[in-house]
Amino acid sequence: MSLDIGTDVVGESDRWRWNELRFRDLGKSQREFGKSQCDSQNRVANLETDLRYRRLRCDLVGHFVKSKKRNATVAYVVNLTNFLVTKHTSALTLQVLGNAKAALAAFVSVMIFRNPVTVMGMTGFAVTIMGVVLYSEAKKRSKAQLATN
């Protein structure tokens, strides 16, 4: 779920933090000045709270834009790398590299996060790694055979 802020979208956790700070500050201003104080003091407190709210909104929007730029840059580099691998090798090599990457990511997640692995999962990792090794060996042999002919 997300909150629409003008033209920007902020995630659920950011929206929670934003509202929490805004309402906490509103509660503070009401306790500090009380209902017996004059209206001008309450207006000043509300303006201060509004300024904090606007600063937080700018911080969240800035963070959102930076993360989108970073994600776009990474996606561009990944697509460029895929194109270059396909250009210099083949689409099959790219697919084999993708499978090896998936097996490596699963292995790292098991090692770092201690995710449980089933026998079927381990078998799948083993088959994937064997396929990558067999493909690379077949490719080496075909290059060697072409070089001798």
N, C-alpha and C. Protein backbone atom coordinates (compact mmCIF):
# COMPACT_ATOMS: atom_id res chain seq x y z
N MET A 1 0.84 -1.17 0.00
CA MET A 1 0.00 0.00 0.00
C MET A 1 0.88 1.23 0.00
N SER A 2 0.51 2.27 -0.71
CA SER A 2 1.34 3.46 -0.76
C SER A 2 0.47 4.70 -0.67
N LEU A 3 1.12 5.80 -0.37
CA LEU A 3 0.44 7.07 -0.18
C LEU A 3 0.84 7.99 -1.32
N ASP A 4 -0.12 8.61 -1.95
CA ASP A 4 0.16 9.52 -3.05
C ASP A 4 0.40 10.90 -2.48
N ILE A 5 1.60 11.45 -2.71
CA ILE A 5 1.93 12.79 -2.23
C ILE A 5 2.15 13.64 -3.47
N GLY A 6 1.15 14.34 -3.88
CA GLY A 6 1.27 15.12 -5.11
C GLY A 6 1.50 14.19 -6.27
N THR A 7 2.68 14.29 -6.88
CA THR A 7 2.99 13.40 -7.99
C THR A 7 3.93 12.28 -7.59
N ASP A 8 4.34 12.24 -6.31
CA ASP A 8 5.28 11.23 -5.85
C ASP A 8 4.57 10.18 -5.01
N VAL A 9 5.13 8.99 -4.98
CA VAL A 9 4.57 7.91 -4.19
C VAL A 9 5.59 7.51 -3.13
N VAL A 10 5.13 7.41 -1.90
CA VAL A 10 6.00 7.03 -0.79
C VAL A 10 5.50 5.71 -0.24
N GLY A 11 6.42 4.81 0.09
CA GLY A 11 6.05 3.49 0.58
C GLY A 11 5.39 3.52 1.95
N GLU A 12 4.86 2.37 2.34
CA GLU A 12 4.11 2.23 3.58
C GLU A 12 4.95 2.59 4.80
N SER A 13 6.21 2.11 4.86
CA SER A 13 7.04 2.39 6.04
C SER A 13 7.38 3.88 6.13
N ASP A 14 7.63 4.52 4.99
CA ASP A 14 7.91 5.95 5.00
C ASP A 14 6.67 6.73 5.42
N ARG A 15 5.50 6.31 4.96
CA ARG A 15 4.26 6.98 5.33
C ARG A 15 4.02 6.86 6.83
N TRP A 16 4.33 5.70 7.39
CA TRP A 16 4.15 5.48 8.83
C TRP A 16 5.05 6.43 9.61
N ARG A 17 6.32 6.52 9.22
CA ARG A 17 7.26 7.40 9.91
C ARG A 17 6.84 8.86 9.79
N TRP A 18 6.40 9.21 8.62
CA TRP A 18 5.98 10.58 8.34
C TRP A 18 4.80 10.97 9.23
N ASN A 19 3.75 10.15 9.26
CA ASN A 19 2.57 10.44 10.07
C ASN A 19 2.90 10.40 11.56
N GLU A 20 3.77 9.47 11.95
CA GLU A 20 4.13 9.37 13.36
C GLU A 20 4.80 10.66 13.83
N LEU A 21 5.75 11.17 13.06
CA LEU A 21 6.42 12.41 13.43
C LEU A 21 5.46 13.60 13.41
N ARG A 22 4.62 13.64 12.41
CA ARG A 22 3.69 14.76 12.29
C ARG A 22 2.73 14.79 13.46
N PHE A 23 2.13 13.65 13.80
CA PHE A 23 1.15 13.62 14.88
C PHE A 23 1.80 13.71 16.25
N ARG A 24 3.02 13.21 16.39
CA ARG A 24 3.74 13.36 17.65
C ARG A 24 4.00 14.84 17.92
N ASP A 25 4.44 15.56 16.88
CA ASP A 25 4.71 16.99 17.04
C ASP A 25 3.44 17.77 17.30
N LEU A 26 2.34 17.36 16.66
CA LEU A 26 1.06 18.04 16.93
C LEU A 26 0.66 17.84 18.39
N GLY A 27 0.84 16.62 18.90
CA GLY A 27 0.51 16.34 20.30
C GLY A 27 1.38 17.14 21.24
N LYS A 28 2.68 17.28 20.94
CA LYS A 28 3.58 18.07 21.75
C LYS A 28 3.14 19.52 21.81
N SER A 29 2.82 20.05 20.63
CA SER A 29 2.46 21.48 20.59
C SER A 29 1.18 21.73 21.39
N GLN A 30 0.23 20.80 21.37
CA GLN A 30 -0.99 21.00 22.14
C GLN A 30 -0.73 20.88 23.63
N ARG A 31 0.16 19.97 24.06
CA ARG A 31 0.48 19.84 25.48
C ARG A 31 1.28 21.03 25.97
N GLU A 32 2.24 21.49 25.16
CA GLU A 32 3.11 22.58 25.59
C GLU A 32 2.33 23.88 25.78
N PHE A 33 1.50 24.19 24.84
CA PHE A 33 0.82 25.48 24.89
C PHE A 33 -0.52 25.42 25.61
N GLY A 34 -1.12 24.24 25.61
CA GLY A 34 -2.39 24.08 26.30
C GLY A 34 -3.51 24.87 25.66
N LYS A 35 -4.73 24.59 26.10
CA LYS A 35 -5.89 25.27 25.53
C LYS A 35 -6.07 26.67 26.08
N SER A 36 -5.42 26.95 27.22
CA SER A 36 -5.61 28.26 27.84
C SER A 36 -4.73 29.34 27.21
N GLN A 37 -3.72 28.97 26.44
CA GLN A 37 -2.84 29.96 25.82
C GLN A 37 -3.57 30.65 24.68
N CYS A 38 -3.00 31.76 24.28
CA CYS A 38 -3.66 32.54 23.22
C CYS A 38 -3.53 31.83 21.88
N ASP A 39 -4.38 32.22 20.97
CA ASP A 39 -4.46 31.58 19.66
C ASP A 39 -3.19 31.79 18.84
N SER A 40 -2.51 32.90 19.02
CA SER A 40 -1.31 33.17 18.23
C SER A 40 -0.20 32.17 18.56
N GLN A 41 -0.08 31.77 19.83
CA GLN A 41 0.92 30.77 20.18
C GLN A 41 0.62 29.44 19.53
N ASN A 42 -0.65 29.08 19.49
CA ASN A 42 -1.04 27.84 18.83
C ASN A 42 -0.74 27.90 17.34
N ARG A 43 -0.95 29.06 16.73
CA ARG A 43 -0.65 29.21 15.31
C ARG A 43 0.84 29.05 15.05
N VAL A 44 1.68 29.61 15.91
CA VAL A 44 3.13 29.47 15.78
C VAL A 44 3.52 28.00 15.88
N ALA A 45 2.95 27.30 16.85
CA ALA A 45 3.25 25.87 17.02
C ALA A 45 2.81 25.08 15.79
N ASN A 46 1.65 25.42 15.26
CA ASN A 46 1.17 24.73 14.07
C ASN A 46 2.07 25.03 12.88
N LEU A 47 2.59 26.25 12.77
CA LEU A 47 3.50 26.58 11.68
C LEU A 47 4.81 25.81 11.82
N GLU A 48 5.33 25.70 13.06
CA GLU A 48 6.55 24.93 13.28
C GLU A 48 6.33 23.47 12.90
N THR A 49 5.20 22.92 13.29
CA THR A 49 4.88 21.54 12.96
C THR A 49 4.75 21.39 11.45
N ASP A 50 4.12 22.35 10.81
CA ASP A 50 3.97 22.31 9.35
C ASP A 50 5.33 22.36 8.66
N LEU A 51 6.24 23.17 9.18
CA LEU A 51 7.58 23.24 8.61
C LEU A 51 8.31 21.91 8.76
N ARG A 52 8.20 21.29 9.95
CA ARG A 52 8.82 19.97 10.15
C ARG A 52 8.22 18.95 9.19
N TYR A 53 6.93 19.01 9.03
CA TYR A 53 6.21 18.10 8.13
C TYR A 53 6.69 18.29 6.70
N ARG A 54 6.84 19.54 6.26
CA ARG A 54 7.29 19.82 4.90
C ARG A 54 8.75 19.38 4.70
N ARG A 55 9.60 19.61 5.71
CA ARG A 55 10.99 19.17 5.60
C ARG A 55 11.07 17.65 5.48
N LEU A 56 10.29 16.96 6.30
CA LEU A 56 10.27 15.51 6.24
C LEU A 56 9.78 15.03 4.88
N ARG A 57 8.77 15.69 4.35
CA ARG A 57 8.25 15.34 3.02
C ARG A 57 9.32 15.52 1.98
N CYS A 58 10.07 16.64 2.02
CA CYS A 58 11.15 16.88 1.07
C CYS A 58 12.23 15.82 1.21
N ASP A 59 12.57 15.44 2.46
CA ASP A 59 13.57 14.40 2.67
C ASP A 59 13.11 13.08 2.06
N LEU A 60 11.85 12.73 2.28
CA LEU A 60 11.33 11.47 1.75
C LEU A 60 11.28 11.48 0.23
N VAL A 61 10.86 12.59 -0.34
CA VAL A 61 10.79 12.69 -1.80
C VAL A 61 12.20 12.63 -2.38
N GLY A 62 13.16 13.33 -1.75
CA GLY A 62 14.54 13.28 -2.21
C GLY A 62 15.11 11.88 -2.15
N HIS A 63 14.83 11.17 -1.07
CA HIS A 63 15.29 9.78 -0.93
C HIS A 63 14.66 8.91 -2.01
N PHE A 64 13.39 9.12 -2.28
CA PHE A 64 12.67 8.34 -3.29
C PHE A 64 13.30 8.56 -4.67
N VAL A 65 13.58 9.81 -5.00
CA VAL A 65 14.15 10.13 -6.31
C VAL A 65 15.55 9.54 -6.44
N LYS A 66 16.36 9.64 -5.38
CA LYS A 66 17.71 9.07 -5.41
C LYS A 66 17.66 7.57 -5.60
N SER A 67 16.75 6.90 -4.90
CA SER A 67 16.69 5.45 -5.03
C SER A 67 16.21 5.05 -6.43
N LYS A 68 15.31 5.82 -7.02
CA LYS A 68 14.86 5.52 -8.38
C LYS A 68 15.98 5.72 -9.39
N LYS A 69 16.79 6.77 -9.22
CA LYS A 69 17.92 6.99 -10.11
C LYS A 69 18.93 5.86 -9.99
N ARG A 70 19.20 5.42 -8.76
CA ARG A 70 20.13 4.33 -8.54
C ARG A 70 19.60 3.04 -9.18
N ASN A 71 18.32 2.76 -9.00
CA ASN A 71 17.73 1.55 -9.59
C ASN A 71 17.78 1.61 -11.12
N ALA A 72 17.52 2.78 -11.69
CA ALA A 72 17.55 2.92 -13.15
C ALA A 72 18.98 2.72 -13.67
N THR A 73 19.96 3.22 -12.95
CA THR A 73 21.35 3.05 -13.37
C THR A 73 21.75 1.57 -13.33
N VAL A 74 21.39 0.89 -12.27
CA VAL A 74 21.72 -0.54 -12.16
C VAL A 74 21.01 -1.33 -13.27
N ALA A 75 19.76 -1.02 -13.54
CA ALA A 75 19.03 -1.72 -14.60
C ALA A 75 19.68 -1.48 -15.96
N TYR A 76 20.13 -0.26 -16.21
CA TYR A 76 20.80 0.05 -17.47
C TYR A 76 22.09 -0.76 -17.61
N VAL A 77 22.88 -0.83 -16.54
CA VAL A 77 24.14 -1.57 -16.58
C VAL A 77 23.88 -3.06 -16.80
N VAL A 78 22.85 -3.60 -16.14
CA VAL A 78 22.52 -5.02 -16.32
C VAL A 78 22.10 -5.30 -17.76
N ASN A 79 21.27 -4.44 -18.32
CA ASN A 79 20.84 -4.64 -19.71
C ASN A 79 22.00 -4.50 -20.69
N LEU A 80 22.88 -3.54 -20.44
CA LEU A 80 24.05 -3.37 -21.30
C LEU A 80 24.96 -4.60 -21.22
N THR A 81 25.15 -5.12 -20.01
CA THR A 81 25.97 -6.32 -19.84
C THR A 81 25.35 -7.51 -20.57
N ASN A 82 24.05 -7.67 -20.44
CA ASN A 82 23.37 -8.76 -21.16
C ASN A 82 23.56 -8.64 -22.66
N PHE A 83 23.44 -7.43 -23.17
CA PHE A 83 23.62 -7.20 -24.60
C PHE A 83 25.04 -7.55 -25.03
N LEU A 84 26.04 -7.11 -24.26
CA LEU A 84 27.43 -7.37 -24.62
C LEU A 84 27.77 -8.86 -24.53
N VAL A 85 27.25 -9.54 -23.52
CA VAL A 85 27.49 -10.99 -23.41
C VAL A 85 26.88 -11.71 -24.61
N THR A 86 25.67 -11.33 -24.99
CA THR A 86 25.01 -11.97 -26.13
C THR A 86 25.76 -11.66 -27.42
N LYS A 87 26.25 -10.43 -27.56
CA LYS A 87 26.97 -10.04 -28.77
C LYS A 87 28.27 -10.83 -28.93
N HIS A 88 29.01 -11.00 -27.84
CA HIS A 88 30.32 -11.64 -27.93
C HIS A 88 30.27 -13.15 -27.76
N THR A 89 29.20 -13.69 -27.24
CA THR A 89 29.11 -15.16 -27.10
C THR A 89 27.85 -15.63 -27.81
N SER A 90 26.83 -16.00 -27.04
CA SER A 90 25.56 -16.43 -27.63
C SER A 90 24.45 -16.28 -26.60
N ALA A 91 23.22 -16.42 -27.06
CA ALA A 91 22.08 -16.32 -26.16
C ALA A 91 22.07 -17.50 -25.17
N LEU A 92 22.56 -18.64 -25.62
CA LEU A 92 22.62 -19.80 -24.74
C LEU A 92 23.59 -19.56 -23.59
N THR A 93 24.72 -18.94 -23.88
CA THR A 93 25.69 -18.62 -22.83
C THR A 93 25.06 -17.67 -21.81
N LEU A 94 24.33 -16.70 -22.30
CA LEU A 94 23.65 -15.77 -21.39
C LEU A 94 22.67 -16.51 -20.49
N GLN A 95 21.94 -17.46 -21.04
CA GLN A 95 20.99 -18.24 -20.25
C GLN A 95 21.70 -19.08 -19.21
N VAL A 96 22.81 -19.69 -19.58
CA VAL A 96 23.59 -20.50 -18.64
C VAL A 96 24.14 -19.62 -17.52
N LEU A 97 24.63 -18.43 -17.86
CA LEU A 97 25.12 -17.50 -16.84
C LEU A 97 23.99 -17.08 -15.90
N GLY A 98 22.80 -16.88 -16.44
CA GLY A 98 21.65 -16.53 -15.60
C GLY A 98 21.31 -17.64 -14.61
N ASN A 99 21.39 -18.89 -15.08
CA ASN A 99 21.14 -20.01 -14.18
C ASN A 99 22.21 -20.12 -13.10
N ALA A 100 23.46 -19.90 -13.48
CA ALA A 100 24.55 -19.93 -12.50
C ALA A 100 24.37 -18.81 -11.48
N LYS A 101 23.95 -17.64 -11.95
CA LYS A 101 23.73 -16.52 -11.03
C LYS A 101 22.62 -16.84 -10.04
N ALA A 102 21.54 -17.46 -10.50
CA ALA A 102 20.44 -17.82 -9.61
C ALA A 102 20.88 -18.84 -8.56
N ALA A 103 21.68 -19.83 -8.98
CA ALA A 103 22.18 -20.82 -8.02
C ALA A 103 23.12 -20.18 -7.01
N LEU A 104 23.96 -19.26 -7.48
CA LEU A 104 24.87 -18.56 -6.57
C LEU A 104 24.10 -17.69 -5.58
N ALA A 105 23.07 -17.01 -6.04
CA ALA A 105 22.25 -16.18 -5.15
C ALA A 105 21.56 -17.03 -4.09
N ALA A 106 21.06 -18.20 -4.49
CA ALA A 106 20.42 -19.09 -3.53
C ALA A 106 21.43 -19.61 -2.52
N PHE A 107 22.64 -19.94 -2.98
CA PHE A 107 23.68 -20.41 -2.07
C PHE A 107 24.07 -19.34 -1.06
N VAL A 108 24.23 -18.11 -1.53
CA VAL A 108 24.59 -17.00 -0.65
C VAL A 108 23.47 -16.75 0.37
N SER A 109 22.22 -16.83 -0.06
CA SER A 109 21.11 -16.61 0.88
C SER A 109 21.07 -17.69 1.95
N VAL A 110 21.43 -18.91 1.58
CA VAL A 110 21.48 -19.99 2.57
C VAL A 110 22.62 -19.74 3.55
N MET A 111 23.77 -19.31 3.05
CA MET A 111 24.92 -19.09 3.92
C MET A 111 24.75 -17.87 4.83
N ILE A 112 24.21 -16.80 4.30
CA ILE A 112 24.09 -15.57 5.09
C ILE A 112 22.86 -15.57 5.98
N PHE A 113 21.70 -15.88 5.39
CA PHE A 113 20.44 -15.77 6.13
C PHE A 113 19.99 -17.07 6.76
N ARG A 114 20.74 -18.15 6.53
CA ARG A 114 20.41 -19.46 7.09
C ARG A 114 19.01 -19.92 6.69
N ASN A 115 18.66 -19.67 5.42
CA ASN A 115 17.38 -20.14 4.92
C ASN A 115 17.38 -21.67 4.85
N PRO A 116 16.29 -22.31 5.24
CA PRO A 116 16.26 -23.77 5.18
C PRO A 116 16.21 -24.24 3.72
N VAL A 117 16.91 -25.34 3.45
CA VAL A 117 16.96 -25.89 2.10
C VAL A 117 16.46 -27.32 2.15
N THR A 118 15.57 -27.64 1.22
CA THR A 118 15.05 -29.02 1.13
C THR A 118 15.98 -29.86 0.27
N VAL A 119 15.74 -31.15 0.29
CA VAL A 119 16.53 -32.07 -0.55
C VAL A 119 16.28 -31.74 -2.02
N MET A 120 15.04 -31.43 -2.35
CA MET A 120 14.71 -31.08 -3.73
C MET A 120 15.45 -29.81 -4.15
N GLY A 121 15.56 -28.84 -3.26
CA GLY A 121 16.29 -27.61 -3.56
C GLY A 121 17.77 -27.86 -3.78
N MET A 122 18.37 -28.68 -2.90
CA MET A 122 19.79 -29.01 -3.07
C MET A 122 20.03 -29.76 -4.37
N THR A 123 19.09 -30.65 -4.72
CA THR A 123 19.21 -31.38 -5.98
C THR A 123 19.16 -30.41 -7.16
N GLY A 124 18.27 -29.43 -7.09
CA GLY A 124 18.16 -28.43 -8.16
C GLY A 124 19.43 -27.61 -8.29
N PHE A 125 20.03 -27.20 -7.15
CA PHE A 125 21.28 -26.46 -7.20
C PHE A 125 22.37 -27.31 -7.84
N ALA A 126 22.45 -28.58 -7.44
CA ALA A 126 23.49 -29.47 -7.97
C ALA A 126 23.32 -29.67 -9.48
N VAL A 127 22.11 -29.88 -9.93
CA VAL A 127 21.86 -30.06 -11.37
C VAL A 127 22.23 -28.80 -12.13
N THR A 128 21.90 -27.65 -11.57
CA THR A 128 22.22 -26.38 -12.23
C THR A 128 23.73 -26.20 -12.35
N ILE A 129 24.44 -26.43 -11.27
CA ILE A 129 25.90 -26.27 -11.30
C ILE A 129 26.53 -27.29 -12.25
N MET A 130 26.04 -28.54 -12.24
CA MET A 130 26.56 -29.54 -13.17
C MET A 130 26.31 -29.12 -14.61
N GLY A 131 25.16 -28.55 -14.89
CA GLY A 131 24.85 -28.08 -16.24
C GLY A 131 25.78 -26.96 -16.67
N VAL A 132 26.07 -26.05 -15.77
CA VAL A 132 26.99 -24.95 -16.10
C VAL A 132 28.39 -25.50 -16.40
N VAL A 133 28.85 -26.43 -15.57
CA VAL A 133 30.19 -27.01 -15.77
C VAL A 133 30.23 -27.79 -17.08
N LEU A 134 29.21 -28.60 -17.34
CA LEU A 134 29.19 -29.38 -18.59
C LEU A 134 29.14 -28.47 -19.81
N TYR A 135 28.39 -27.39 -19.74
CA TYR A 135 28.31 -26.46 -20.86
C TYR A 135 29.66 -25.81 -21.11
N SER A 136 30.33 -25.39 -20.04
CA SER A 136 31.63 -24.74 -20.24
C SER A 136 32.66 -25.73 -20.80
N GLU A 137 32.61 -26.98 -20.36
CA GLU A 137 33.52 -28.00 -20.90
C GLU A 137 33.22 -28.27 -22.38
N ALA A 138 31.95 -28.39 -22.73
CA ALA A 138 31.58 -28.62 -24.13
C ALA A 138 32.01 -27.45 -25.00
N LYS A 139 31.90 -26.24 -24.48
CA LYS A 139 32.31 -25.06 -25.24
C LYS A 139 33.83 -25.06 -25.45
N LYS A 140 34.59 -25.43 -24.41
CA LYS A 140 36.05 -25.49 -24.54
C LYS A 140 36.45 -26.54 -25.58
N ARG A 141 35.79 -27.69 -25.54
CA ARG A 141 36.13 -28.76 -26.49
C ARG A 141 35.80 -28.35 -27.93
N SER A 142 34.67 -27.66 -28.09
CA SER A 142 34.32 -27.25 -29.46
C SER A 142 35.28 -26.20 -29.98
N LYS A 143 35.77 -25.31 -29.13
CA LYS A 143 36.77 -24.33 -29.55
C LYS A 143 38.09 -25.02 -29.89
N ALA A 144 38.48 -26.01 -29.07
CA ALA A 144 39.71 -26.73 -29.34
C ALA A 144 39.60 -27.50 -30.64
N GLN A 145 38.46 -28.08 -30.91
CA GLN A 145 38.25 -28.85 -32.13
C GLN A 145 38.29 -27.93 -33.34
N LEU A 146 37.69 -26.76 -33.23
CA LEU A 146 37.73 -25.80 -34.33
C LEU A 146 39.15 -25.31 -34.59
N ALA A 147 39.95 -25.17 -33.53
CA ALA A 147 41.33 -24.70 -33.67
C ALA A 147 42.21 -25.74 -34.36
N THR A 148 41.93 -27.04 -34.12
CA THR A 148 42.74 -28.09 -34.74
C THR A 148 42.35 -28.32 -36.19
N ASN A 149 41.15 -28.00 -36.58
CA ASN A 149 40.71 -28.22 -37.98
C ASN A 149 41.11 -27.12 -38.86
